[in-house]
Amino acid sequence: MPHHTRFDILRHGEPEGEDCFRGSGVDHPLTASGWQQMQAAIAQGTQWDLIISSPLSRCLEFAKKTAAKMSIELIIDDQLKEIGFGVWEGRTKEEIQLHDTEAYKRFRLNPVENRPDGAEPLEKFSNRIWHKLEQLASQHPSKRILIIAHAGVIRVVFAKTMGLTLDDVYNRLKIEYAASISCSFNDKGRASLLLPSSL
C-alpha cells in the first residue's frame, strides 16, 4: 500500500549574540524571545511520531523540551546542522564588509561559487541535507516527523522540491526565525512541497 512520510521542518528562533554568520561553528542558545517564537509556531496541538533535531543548542534545547512534553522520541542528527561559514563564523556582515570587502562582494553576487575560506561548499551541504531526508523517509514510512533545524535546511528543501538553483534560494529566499516548511516523500522517493505549511 502506498505511503507518504511527512516532514515538518521548523527553523530555530532568535539566538543570543549579535547578528552574524551563524553556521555550524557557532553554538548560541535561544533568547527568551526565540523560545516564544518557537512555542507559537507549534501551538496548534499537532502530534508527531518523532522529533529529529540538529545538535546545535538553538535547535536542540527546544527539541528536548518539546519531545518530553509530547512523550515522543527525540533523535539528534549531526547531518542536520547548519552549513559552515569557515573564517566568517561568528563575524558580522559589517565587520566582513570592512575587513574583507572584495570577498564579501563576490559572495553577495554568487554565494554558490564564492564561499568564505574554510566554508562548506553549498553543493555539498545541499547533498548532505537531501540525502539525510531521503534516508529518514525510507527509515520512517508513513510517519509525521518534526525536524528542528536551520534556515539552510529549509532553503535546500525549497530548492529541491521546486526545481530551483541554490543561487536562487540563497539570494532571494529570506527565512525568518521559527519559520517552517513541510514536504512529503512517497514510497517511490519522490518529494513534494506541502503548501500552506501548518504545524
N, C-alpha and C. Protein backbone atom coordinates (compact mmCIF):
# COMPACT_ATOMS: atom_id res chain seq x y z
N MET A 1 0.85 -1.19 0.00
CA MET A 1 0.00 0.00 0.00
C MET A 1 0.89 1.25 0.00
N PRO A 2 0.60 2.23 -0.86
CA PRO A 2 1.43 3.44 -0.92
C PRO A 2 1.47 4.18 0.42
N HIS A 3 2.60 4.77 0.68
CA HIS A 3 2.72 5.55 1.92
C HIS A 3 3.46 6.85 1.64
N HIS A 4 3.28 7.79 2.55
CA HIS A 4 3.98 9.07 2.50
C HIS A 4 4.59 9.34 3.87
N THR A 5 5.79 9.85 3.87
CA THR A 5 6.42 10.33 5.09
C THR A 5 6.43 11.85 5.04
N ARG A 6 5.88 12.47 6.07
CA ARG A 6 5.79 13.93 6.09
C ARG A 6 6.83 14.50 7.05
N PHE A 7 7.53 15.51 6.56
CA PHE A 7 8.47 16.26 7.39
C PHE A 7 7.96 17.69 7.58
N ASP A 8 7.80 18.09 8.83
CA ASP A 8 7.55 19.48 9.16
C ASP A 8 8.87 20.04 9.69
N ILE A 9 9.45 20.97 8.95
CA ILE A 9 10.78 21.46 9.28
C ILE A 9 10.68 22.87 9.84
N LEU A 10 11.10 23.03 11.07
CA LEU A 10 10.98 24.28 11.80
C LEU A 10 12.35 24.89 12.04
N ARG A 11 12.52 26.13 11.63
CA ARG A 11 13.77 26.82 11.93
C ARG A 11 13.76 27.25 13.40
N HIS A 12 14.94 27.27 13.99
CA HIS A 12 15.07 27.75 15.36
C HIS A 12 14.63 29.20 15.48
N GLY A 13 14.35 29.63 16.71
CA GLY A 13 14.01 31.02 16.98
C GLY A 13 15.25 31.89 17.11
N GLU A 14 15.03 33.09 17.58
CA GLU A 14 16.13 34.06 17.70
C GLU A 14 17.18 33.56 18.70
N PRO A 15 18.44 33.50 18.28
CA PRO A 15 19.50 33.07 19.20
C PRO A 15 20.16 34.26 19.89
N GLU A 16 20.86 33.98 20.95
CA GLU A 16 21.64 35.01 21.62
C GLU A 16 22.81 35.44 20.74
N GLY A 17 23.38 36.60 21.06
CA GLY A 17 24.51 37.09 20.29
C GLY A 17 24.06 38.03 19.18
N GLU A 18 25.00 38.77 18.64
CA GLU A 18 24.68 39.73 17.59
C GLU A 18 24.39 39.04 16.28
N ASP A 19 23.84 39.81 15.35
CA ASP A 19 23.52 39.29 14.02
C ASP A 19 24.82 39.02 13.27
N CYS A 20 25.09 37.75 13.00
CA CYS A 20 26.38 37.38 12.41
C CYS A 20 26.21 36.15 11.53
N PHE A 21 27.30 35.74 10.90
CA PHE A 21 27.29 34.48 10.16
C PHE A 21 27.33 33.35 11.18
N ARG A 22 26.16 32.81 11.44
CA ARG A 22 25.99 31.80 12.48
C ARG A 22 25.72 30.46 11.82
N GLY A 23 26.77 29.69 11.60
CA GLY A 23 26.62 28.40 10.94
C GLY A 23 26.83 27.26 11.91
N SER A 24 27.50 26.22 11.45
CA SER A 24 27.72 25.04 12.30
C SER A 24 28.80 25.27 13.34
N GLY A 25 29.59 26.35 13.18
CA GLY A 25 30.69 26.60 14.10
C GLY A 25 30.37 27.54 15.24
N VAL A 26 29.14 28.06 15.29
CA VAL A 26 28.73 28.97 16.36
C VAL A 26 27.51 28.36 17.05
N ASP A 27 27.59 28.20 18.35
CA ASP A 27 26.54 27.46 19.07
C ASP A 27 25.88 28.33 20.12
N HIS A 28 25.16 29.36 19.69
CA HIS A 28 24.44 30.24 20.60
C HIS A 28 23.10 29.63 21.00
N PRO A 29 22.72 29.71 22.27
CA PRO A 29 21.39 29.26 22.69
C PRO A 29 20.32 30.28 22.29
N LEU A 30 19.07 29.91 22.46
CA LEU A 30 17.96 30.80 22.15
C LEU A 30 17.82 31.91 23.19
N THR A 31 17.34 33.05 22.74
CA THR A 31 16.90 34.10 23.66
C THR A 31 15.51 33.72 24.18
N ALA A 32 15.02 34.47 25.16
CA ALA A 32 13.65 34.26 25.65
C ALA A 32 12.66 34.47 24.52
N SER A 33 12.92 35.47 23.67
CA SER A 33 12.06 35.73 22.52
C SER A 33 12.10 34.55 21.54
N GLY A 34 13.29 33.96 21.38
CA GLY A 34 13.43 32.82 20.50
C GLY A 34 12.59 31.63 20.96
N TRP A 35 12.57 31.39 22.25
CA TRP A 35 11.72 30.33 22.81
C TRP A 35 10.25 30.61 22.50
N GLN A 36 9.83 31.85 22.72
CA GLN A 36 8.44 32.21 22.47
C GLN A 36 8.06 32.05 21.00
N GLN A 37 8.97 32.42 20.11
CA GLN A 37 8.71 32.28 18.67
C GLN A 37 8.46 30.82 18.30
N MET A 38 9.26 29.93 18.86
CA MET A 38 9.12 28.51 18.52
C MET A 38 7.88 27.90 19.17
N GLN A 39 7.60 28.30 20.37
CA GLN A 39 6.39 27.81 21.03
C GLN A 39 5.14 28.22 20.26
N ALA A 40 5.13 29.47 19.77
CA ALA A 40 3.99 29.96 19.00
C ALA A 40 3.85 29.21 17.68
N ALA A 41 4.98 28.78 17.11
CA ALA A 41 4.96 28.12 15.81
C ALA A 41 4.32 26.74 15.86
N ILE A 42 4.32 26.10 17.01
CA ILE A 42 3.74 24.75 17.11
C ILE A 42 2.58 24.71 18.11
N ALA A 43 1.92 25.82 18.28
CA ALA A 43 0.87 25.93 19.28
C ALA A 43 -0.47 25.35 18.84
N GLN A 44 -0.51 24.70 17.68
CA GLN A 44 -1.78 24.19 17.15
C GLN A 44 -2.15 22.80 17.68
N GLY A 45 -1.27 22.19 18.45
CA GLY A 45 -1.60 20.89 19.02
C GLY A 45 -1.35 19.72 18.11
N THR A 46 -0.57 19.92 17.06
CA THR A 46 -0.24 18.82 16.15
C THR A 46 0.55 17.74 16.88
N GLN A 47 0.29 16.49 16.55
CA GLN A 47 1.03 15.39 17.12
C GLN A 47 1.97 14.80 16.07
N TRP A 48 3.21 14.62 16.47
CA TRP A 48 4.20 13.98 15.61
C TRP A 48 4.55 12.61 16.15
N ASP A 49 5.08 11.78 15.29
CA ASP A 49 5.53 10.45 15.70
C ASP A 49 6.96 10.49 16.24
N LEU A 50 7.69 11.54 15.87
CA LEU A 50 9.11 11.58 16.16
C LEU A 50 9.60 13.01 15.98
N ILE A 51 10.60 13.40 16.77
CA ILE A 51 11.27 14.68 16.58
C ILE A 51 12.74 14.40 16.29
N ILE A 52 13.26 15.07 15.27
CA ILE A 52 14.68 14.95 14.92
C ILE A 52 15.27 16.35 14.94
N SER A 53 16.41 16.50 15.60
CA SER A 53 16.97 17.84 15.79
C SER A 53 18.43 17.92 15.37
N SER A 54 18.79 19.09 14.88
CA SER A 54 20.20 19.46 14.75
C SER A 54 20.83 19.40 16.14
N PRO A 55 22.13 19.14 16.23
CA PRO A 55 22.78 19.08 17.54
C PRO A 55 23.08 20.46 18.14
N LEU A 56 22.88 21.53 17.38
CA LEU A 56 23.22 22.86 17.88
C LEU A 56 22.18 23.35 18.88
N SER A 57 22.64 24.06 19.90
CA SER A 57 21.81 24.44 21.05
C SER A 57 20.55 25.18 20.66
N ARG A 58 20.63 26.04 19.65
CA ARG A 58 19.48 26.85 19.26
C ARG A 58 18.34 26.01 18.72
N CYS A 59 18.61 24.76 18.41
CA CYS A 59 17.59 23.80 17.99
C CYS A 59 17.32 22.76 19.08
N LEU A 60 18.39 22.23 19.62
CA LEU A 60 18.30 21.04 20.46
C LEU A 60 17.57 21.25 21.78
N GLU A 61 17.80 22.39 22.43
CA GLU A 61 17.17 22.59 23.73
C GLU A 61 15.65 22.64 23.61
N PHE A 62 15.16 23.30 22.59
CA PHE A 62 13.71 23.33 22.36
C PHE A 62 13.19 21.96 21.97
N ALA A 63 13.96 21.23 21.17
CA ALA A 63 13.57 19.88 20.75
C ALA A 63 13.43 18.96 21.96
N LYS A 64 14.37 19.06 22.88
CA LYS A 64 14.32 18.22 24.08
C LYS A 64 13.05 18.50 24.89
N LYS A 65 12.77 19.76 25.08
CA LYS A 65 11.61 20.14 25.87
C LYS A 65 10.31 19.70 25.19
N THR A 66 10.24 19.88 23.88
CA THR A 66 9.03 19.51 23.15
C THR A 66 8.82 18.01 23.13
N ALA A 67 9.89 17.26 22.93
CA ALA A 67 9.78 15.79 22.93
C ALA A 67 9.32 15.27 24.29
N ALA A 68 9.87 15.86 25.34
CA ALA A 68 9.47 15.43 26.69
C ALA A 68 8.01 15.76 26.95
N LYS A 69 7.58 16.93 26.53
CA LYS A 69 6.20 17.36 26.74
C LYS A 69 5.22 16.47 25.99
N MET A 70 5.62 16.03 24.79
CA MET A 70 4.73 15.21 23.96
C MET A 70 4.95 13.71 24.17
N SER A 71 5.95 13.38 24.98
CA SER A 71 6.28 11.97 25.26
C SER A 71 6.56 11.19 23.98
N ILE A 72 7.39 11.79 23.11
CA ILE A 72 7.79 11.11 21.89
C ILE A 72 9.31 11.08 21.79
N GLU A 73 9.78 10.20 20.93
CA GLU A 73 11.22 10.00 20.79
C GLU A 73 11.89 11.21 20.15
N LEU A 74 13.09 11.50 20.63
CA LEU A 74 13.93 12.55 20.04
C LEU A 74 15.21 11.92 19.52
N ILE A 75 15.55 12.23 18.27
CA ILE A 75 16.80 11.80 17.67
C ILE A 75 17.63 13.04 17.36
N ILE A 76 18.88 13.03 17.76
CA ILE A 76 19.80 14.13 17.46
C ILE A 76 20.65 13.69 16.27
N ASP A 77 20.63 14.47 15.19
CA ASP A 77 21.31 14.06 13.97
C ASP A 77 22.29 15.14 13.52
N ASP A 78 23.56 14.80 13.52
CA ASP A 78 24.62 15.75 13.16
C ASP A 78 24.51 16.20 11.71
N GLN A 79 23.88 15.39 10.86
CA GLN A 79 23.77 15.74 9.45
C GLN A 79 22.80 16.90 9.20
N LEU A 80 22.02 17.27 10.20
CA LEU A 80 21.06 18.36 10.06
C LEU A 80 21.57 19.69 10.60
N LYS A 81 22.84 19.76 10.97
CA LYS A 81 23.39 21.03 11.43
C LYS A 81 23.49 22.01 10.27
N GLU A 82 23.60 23.28 10.61
CA GLU A 82 23.67 24.34 9.60
C GLU A 82 24.96 24.25 8.79
N ILE A 83 24.95 24.90 7.64
CA ILE A 83 26.14 24.97 6.80
C ILE A 83 27.25 25.71 7.55
N GLY A 84 28.49 25.34 7.29
CA GLY A 84 29.61 26.01 7.93
C GLY A 84 30.08 27.21 7.11
N PHE A 85 30.40 28.31 7.79
CA PHE A 85 30.84 29.53 7.10
C PHE A 85 32.35 29.78 7.23
N GLY A 86 33.09 28.79 7.64
CA GLY A 86 34.54 28.91 7.66
C GLY A 86 35.03 30.09 8.49
N VAL A 87 35.90 30.91 7.91
CA VAL A 87 36.52 32.02 8.65
C VAL A 87 35.54 33.13 8.98
N TRP A 88 34.36 33.08 8.39
CA TRP A 88 33.34 34.11 8.70
C TRP A 88 32.45 33.73 9.87
N GLU A 89 32.62 32.56 10.41
CA GLU A 89 31.78 32.13 11.53
C GLU A 89 31.87 33.13 12.69
N GLY A 90 30.69 33.57 13.15
CA GLY A 90 30.63 34.46 14.30
C GLY A 90 30.93 35.92 14.00
N ARG A 91 31.26 36.25 12.75
CA ARG A 91 31.57 37.62 12.38
C ARG A 91 30.34 38.30 11.77
N THR A 92 30.18 39.60 12.02
CA THR A 92 29.05 40.32 11.47
C THR A 92 29.31 40.69 10.01
N LYS A 93 28.23 40.97 9.28
CA LYS A 93 28.37 41.40 7.89
C LYS A 93 29.16 42.71 7.80
N GLU A 94 28.91 43.60 8.76
CA GLU A 94 29.60 44.89 8.76
C GLU A 94 31.11 44.70 8.94
N GLU A 95 31.48 43.81 9.81
CA GLU A 95 32.90 43.53 10.05
C GLU A 95 33.56 42.95 8.81
N ILE A 96 32.87 42.04 8.16
CA ILE A 96 33.42 41.41 6.96
C ILE A 96 33.51 42.41 5.81
N GLN A 97 32.46 43.22 5.65
CA GLN A 97 32.49 44.25 4.61
C GLN A 97 33.66 45.21 4.81
N LEU A 98 33.99 45.50 6.05
CA LEU A 98 35.07 46.43 6.35
C LEU A 98 36.44 45.81 6.11
N HIS A 99 36.63 44.57 6.54
CA HIS A 99 37.95 43.95 6.51
C HIS A 99 38.18 42.98 5.35
N ASP A 100 37.10 42.56 4.71
CA ASP A 100 37.22 41.59 3.63
C ASP A 100 36.25 41.99 2.51
N THR A 101 36.38 43.25 2.08
CA THR A 101 35.40 43.89 1.21
C THR A 101 35.17 43.14 -0.10
N GLU A 102 36.22 42.83 -0.82
CA GLU A 102 36.07 42.20 -2.13
C GLU A 102 35.49 40.79 -2.03
N ALA A 103 35.93 40.05 -1.03
CA ALA A 103 35.40 38.69 -0.83
C ALA A 103 33.90 38.74 -0.53
N TYR A 104 33.51 39.73 0.25
CA TYR A 104 32.08 39.84 0.59
C TYR A 104 31.26 40.23 -0.63
N LYS A 105 31.78 41.12 -1.47
CA LYS A 105 31.09 41.50 -2.70
C LYS A 105 30.90 40.29 -3.61
N ARG A 106 31.95 39.48 -3.75
CA ARG A 106 31.85 38.29 -4.60
C ARG A 106 30.83 37.30 -4.03
N PHE A 107 30.84 37.18 -2.72
CA PHE A 107 29.89 36.28 -2.05
C PHE A 107 28.45 36.72 -2.30
N ARG A 108 28.19 38.01 -2.19
CA ARG A 108 26.84 38.51 -2.40
C ARG A 108 26.38 38.31 -3.85
N LEU A 109 27.28 38.43 -4.79
CA LEU A 109 26.94 38.25 -6.20
C LEU A 109 26.70 36.79 -6.55
N ASN A 110 27.48 35.89 -5.94
CA ASN A 110 27.36 34.47 -6.24
C ASN A 110 27.80 33.65 -5.02
N PRO A 111 26.86 33.41 -4.08
CA PRO A 111 27.22 32.69 -2.85
C PRO A 111 27.54 31.23 -3.08
N VAL A 112 27.17 30.69 -4.23
CA VAL A 112 27.46 29.29 -4.52
C VAL A 112 28.94 29.10 -4.84
N GLU A 113 29.47 29.98 -5.66
CA GLU A 113 30.85 29.83 -6.13
C GLU A 113 31.87 30.56 -5.25
N ASN A 114 31.43 31.54 -4.50
CA ASN A 114 32.37 32.37 -3.73
C ASN A 114 32.18 32.18 -2.23
N ARG A 115 32.57 31.01 -1.75
CA ARG A 115 32.43 30.69 -0.33
C ARG A 115 33.59 31.30 0.47
N PRO A 116 33.35 31.63 1.73
CA PRO A 116 34.46 32.07 2.59
C PRO A 116 35.50 30.95 2.75
N ASP A 117 36.72 31.31 3.05
CA ASP A 117 37.77 30.31 3.27
C ASP A 117 37.33 29.33 4.36
N GLY A 118 37.46 28.05 4.07
CA GLY A 118 37.12 27.02 5.05
C GLY A 118 35.65 26.70 5.15
N ALA A 119 34.81 27.36 4.34
CA ALA A 119 33.37 27.13 4.41
C ALA A 119 32.97 25.84 3.71
N GLU A 120 31.89 25.26 4.14
CA GLU A 120 31.34 24.09 3.48
C GLU A 120 30.76 24.50 2.12
N PRO A 121 31.10 23.82 1.04
CA PRO A 121 30.52 24.14 -0.27
C PRO A 121 29.00 23.96 -0.24
N LEU A 122 28.29 24.87 -0.89
CA LEU A 122 26.83 24.81 -0.90
C LEU A 122 26.32 23.51 -1.50
N GLU A 123 26.94 23.05 -2.56
CA GLU A 123 26.50 21.82 -3.20
C GLU A 123 26.66 20.62 -2.25
N LYS A 124 27.77 20.60 -1.53
CA LYS A 124 27.99 19.52 -0.56
C LYS A 124 26.96 19.58 0.56
N PHE A 125 26.69 20.79 1.03
CA PHE A 125 25.67 20.97 2.08
C PHE A 125 24.31 20.51 1.59
N SER A 126 23.93 20.93 0.40
CA SER A 126 22.64 20.55 -0.16
C SER A 126 22.51 19.03 -0.27
N ASN A 127 23.55 18.38 -0.75
CA ASN A 127 23.53 16.93 -0.88
C ASN A 127 23.45 16.25 0.48
N ARG A 128 24.16 16.82 1.46
CA ARG A 128 24.12 16.26 2.83
C ARG A 128 22.70 16.27 3.39
N ILE A 129 22.04 17.40 3.24
CA ILE A 129 20.69 17.54 3.79
C ILE A 129 19.70 16.65 3.04
N TRP A 130 19.76 16.68 1.72
CA TRP A 130 18.77 15.93 0.94
C TRP A 130 18.95 14.42 1.12
N HIS A 131 20.19 13.96 1.16
CA HIS A 131 20.44 12.54 1.39
C HIS A 131 19.88 12.12 2.74
N LYS A 132 20.04 12.96 3.75
CA LYS A 132 19.52 12.63 5.08
C LYS A 132 18.00 12.53 5.06
N LEU A 133 17.32 13.44 4.39
CA LEU A 133 15.86 13.38 4.33
C LEU A 133 15.39 12.14 3.59
N GLU A 134 16.05 11.80 2.50
CA GLU A 134 15.69 10.58 1.77
C GLU A 134 15.88 9.35 2.66
N GLN A 135 16.96 9.35 3.41
CA GLN A 135 17.24 8.24 4.32
C GLN A 135 16.18 8.14 5.42
N LEU A 136 15.82 9.27 5.99
CA LEU A 136 14.80 9.28 7.05
C LEU A 136 13.44 8.86 6.53
N ALA A 137 13.11 9.28 5.32
CA ALA A 137 11.82 8.88 4.73
C ALA A 137 11.75 7.38 4.54
N SER A 138 12.87 6.78 4.15
CA SER A 138 12.92 5.33 3.97
C SER A 138 12.84 4.60 5.31
N GLN A 139 13.48 5.18 6.32
CA GLN A 139 13.52 4.54 7.64
C GLN A 139 12.21 4.67 8.41
N HIS A 140 11.43 5.72 8.10
CA HIS A 140 10.21 6.01 8.88
C HIS A 140 9.00 6.18 7.96
N PRO A 141 8.62 5.11 7.24
CA PRO A 141 7.49 5.22 6.32
C PRO A 141 6.18 5.53 7.07
N SER A 142 5.37 6.38 6.43
CA SER A 142 4.04 6.72 6.94
C SER A 142 4.07 7.49 8.26
N LYS A 143 5.20 8.06 8.61
CA LYS A 143 5.31 8.83 9.85
C LYS A 143 5.23 10.33 9.56
N ARG A 144 4.82 11.07 10.58
CA ARG A 144 4.88 12.54 10.52
C ARG A 144 5.97 12.96 11.50
N ILE A 145 6.98 13.65 10.97
CA ILE A 145 8.19 13.92 11.74
C ILE A 145 8.44 15.43 11.82
N LEU A 146 8.71 15.90 13.01
CA LEU A 146 9.10 17.29 13.21
C LEU A 146 10.63 17.36 13.21
N ILE A 147 11.17 18.15 12.30
CA ILE A 147 12.61 18.39 12.25
C ILE A 147 12.86 19.82 12.72
N ILE A 148 13.71 19.97 13.70
CA ILE A 148 14.07 21.30 14.20
C ILE A 148 15.50 21.57 13.75
N ALA A 149 15.63 22.56 12.86
CA ALA A 149 16.92 22.77 12.23
C ALA A 149 17.14 24.24 11.89
N HIS A 150 17.59 24.52 10.67
CA HIS A 150 18.14 25.83 10.34
C HIS A 150 17.59 26.37 9.01
N ALA A 151 17.86 27.65 8.78
CA ALA A 151 17.42 28.29 7.54
C ALA A 151 17.99 27.59 6.32
N GLY A 152 19.24 27.17 6.41
CA GLY A 152 19.86 26.49 5.27
C GLY A 152 19.14 25.21 4.90
N VAL A 153 18.64 24.49 5.89
CA VAL A 153 17.91 23.24 5.63
C VAL A 153 16.62 23.55 4.88
N ILE A 154 15.92 24.59 5.30
CA ILE A 154 14.67 24.98 4.64
C ILE A 154 14.95 25.40 3.20
N ARG A 155 16.03 26.13 2.98
CA ARG A 155 16.37 26.56 1.62
C ARG A 155 16.63 25.35 0.72
N VAL A 156 17.31 24.35 1.23
CA VAL A 156 17.58 23.14 0.44
C VAL A 156 16.28 22.46 0.05
N VAL A 157 15.37 22.30 1.00
CA VAL A 157 14.08 21.65 0.72
C VAL A 157 13.31 22.43 -0.33
N PHE A 158 13.29 23.74 -0.19
CA PHE A 158 12.57 24.57 -1.16
C PHE A 158 13.18 24.42 -2.55
N ALA A 159 14.50 24.47 -2.63
CA ALA A 159 15.17 24.36 -3.93
C ALA A 159 14.92 23.00 -4.57
N LYS A 160 15.07 21.94 -3.79
CA LYS A 160 14.94 20.58 -4.34
C LYS A 160 13.52 20.28 -4.80
N THR A 161 12.53 20.69 -4.02
CA THR A 161 11.15 20.37 -4.37
C THR A 161 10.60 21.27 -5.47
N MET A 162 11.16 22.48 -5.61
CA MET A 162 10.65 23.43 -6.60
C MET A 162 11.53 23.51 -7.85
N GLY A 163 12.60 22.73 -7.90
CA GLY A 163 13.45 22.73 -9.06
C GLY A 163 14.23 24.02 -9.26
N LEU A 164 14.60 24.66 -8.14
CA LEU A 164 15.35 25.91 -8.19
C LEU A 164 16.83 25.67 -7.93
N THR A 165 17.65 26.61 -8.35
CA THR A 165 19.07 26.51 -8.08
C THR A 165 19.38 26.99 -6.66
N LEU A 166 20.50 26.58 -6.13
CA LEU A 166 20.92 27.05 -4.82
C LEU A 166 21.15 28.56 -4.83
N ASP A 167 21.64 29.07 -5.95
CA ASP A 167 21.85 30.50 -6.09
C ASP A 167 20.52 31.25 -5.96
N ASP A 168 19.46 30.70 -6.56
CA ASP A 168 18.13 31.31 -6.46
C ASP A 168 17.69 31.45 -5.01
N VAL A 169 17.77 30.36 -4.27
CA VAL A 169 17.21 30.39 -2.92
C VAL A 169 18.09 31.14 -1.93
N TYR A 170 19.39 31.17 -2.16
CA TYR A 170 20.26 31.89 -1.22
C TYR A 170 20.23 33.39 -1.45
N ASN A 171 19.90 33.82 -2.64
CA ASN A 171 19.83 35.26 -2.91
C ASN A 171 18.44 35.84 -2.71
N ARG A 172 17.42 35.01 -2.84
CA ARG A 172 16.06 35.55 -2.90
C ARG A 172 15.12 35.07 -1.80
N LEU A 173 15.48 34.03 -1.08
CA LEU A 173 14.56 33.46 -0.11
C LEU A 173 15.00 33.79 1.32
N LYS A 174 14.25 34.65 1.97
CA LYS A 174 14.55 35.01 3.35
C LYS A 174 13.76 34.10 4.28
N ILE A 175 14.44 33.50 5.23
CA ILE A 175 13.81 32.58 6.18
C ILE A 175 13.80 33.25 7.56
N GLU A 176 12.62 33.57 8.06
CA GLU A 176 12.51 34.22 9.36
C GLU A 176 12.74 33.21 10.48
N TYR A 177 13.05 33.71 11.67
CA TYR A 177 13.14 32.84 12.84
C TYR A 177 11.81 32.12 13.06
N ALA A 178 11.89 30.85 13.39
CA ALA A 178 10.73 29.99 13.67
C ALA A 178 9.83 29.81 12.44
N ALA A 179 10.36 30.07 11.25
CA ALA A 179 9.61 29.78 10.02
C ALA A 179 9.62 28.26 9.79
N SER A 180 8.66 27.81 9.01
CA SER A 180 8.57 26.36 8.78
C SER A 180 8.23 26.06 7.33
N ILE A 181 8.52 24.84 6.95
CA ILE A 181 8.17 24.33 5.63
C ILE A 181 7.83 22.85 5.81
N SER A 182 6.94 22.35 5.00
CA SER A 182 6.56 20.94 5.08
C SER A 182 6.72 20.28 3.71
N CYS A 183 7.19 19.06 3.74
CA CYS A 183 7.31 18.29 2.50
C CYS A 183 6.96 16.84 2.76
N SER A 184 6.65 16.15 1.69
CA SER A 184 6.23 14.76 1.79
C SER A 184 7.02 13.92 0.80
N PHE A 185 7.50 12.76 1.27
CA PHE A 185 8.18 11.79 0.40
C PHE A 185 7.25 10.59 0.22
N ASN A 186 7.00 10.20 -1.03
CA ASN A 186 6.20 8.99 -1.24
C ASN A 186 7.10 7.76 -1.24
N ASP A 187 6.50 6.60 -1.40
CA ASP A 187 7.27 5.35 -1.31
C ASP A 187 8.17 5.13 -2.53
N LYS A 188 8.08 6.00 -3.52
CA LYS A 188 8.99 5.95 -4.67
C LYS A 188 10.18 6.90 -4.48
N GLY A 189 10.17 7.61 -3.34
CA GLY A 189 11.26 8.54 -3.07
C GLY A 189 11.04 9.93 -3.65
N ARG A 190 9.88 10.18 -4.21
CA ARG A 190 9.59 11.49 -4.79
C ARG A 190 9.11 12.44 -3.71
N ALA A 191 9.65 13.65 -3.72
CA ALA A 191 9.30 14.63 -2.69
C ALA A 191 8.42 15.72 -3.26
N SER A 192 7.49 16.19 -2.44
CA SER A 192 6.59 17.28 -2.81
C SER A 192 6.54 18.30 -1.69
N LEU A 193 6.48 19.56 -2.05
CA LEU A 193 6.31 20.63 -1.08
C LEU A 193 4.83 20.72 -0.72
N LEU A 194 4.54 20.89 0.57
CA LEU A 194 3.16 20.99 1.02
C LEU A 194 2.86 22.45 1.39
N LEU A 195 1.93 23.04 0.68
CA LEU A 195 1.57 24.44 0.93
C LEU A 195 0.06 24.54 1.11
N PRO A 196 -0.43 25.39 2.04
CA PRO A 196 0.42 26.11 3.00
C PRO A 196 0.90 25.17 4.09
N SER A 197 2.04 25.51 4.67
CA SER A 197 2.59 24.71 5.76
C SER A 197 1.91 25.07 7.06
N SER A 198 1.47 24.08 7.78
CA SER A 198 0.85 24.32 9.09
C SER A 198 1.36 23.28 10.07
N LEU A 199 2.01 23.75 11.14
CA LEU A 199 2.49 22.83 12.15
C LEU A 199 1.45 22.65 13.24
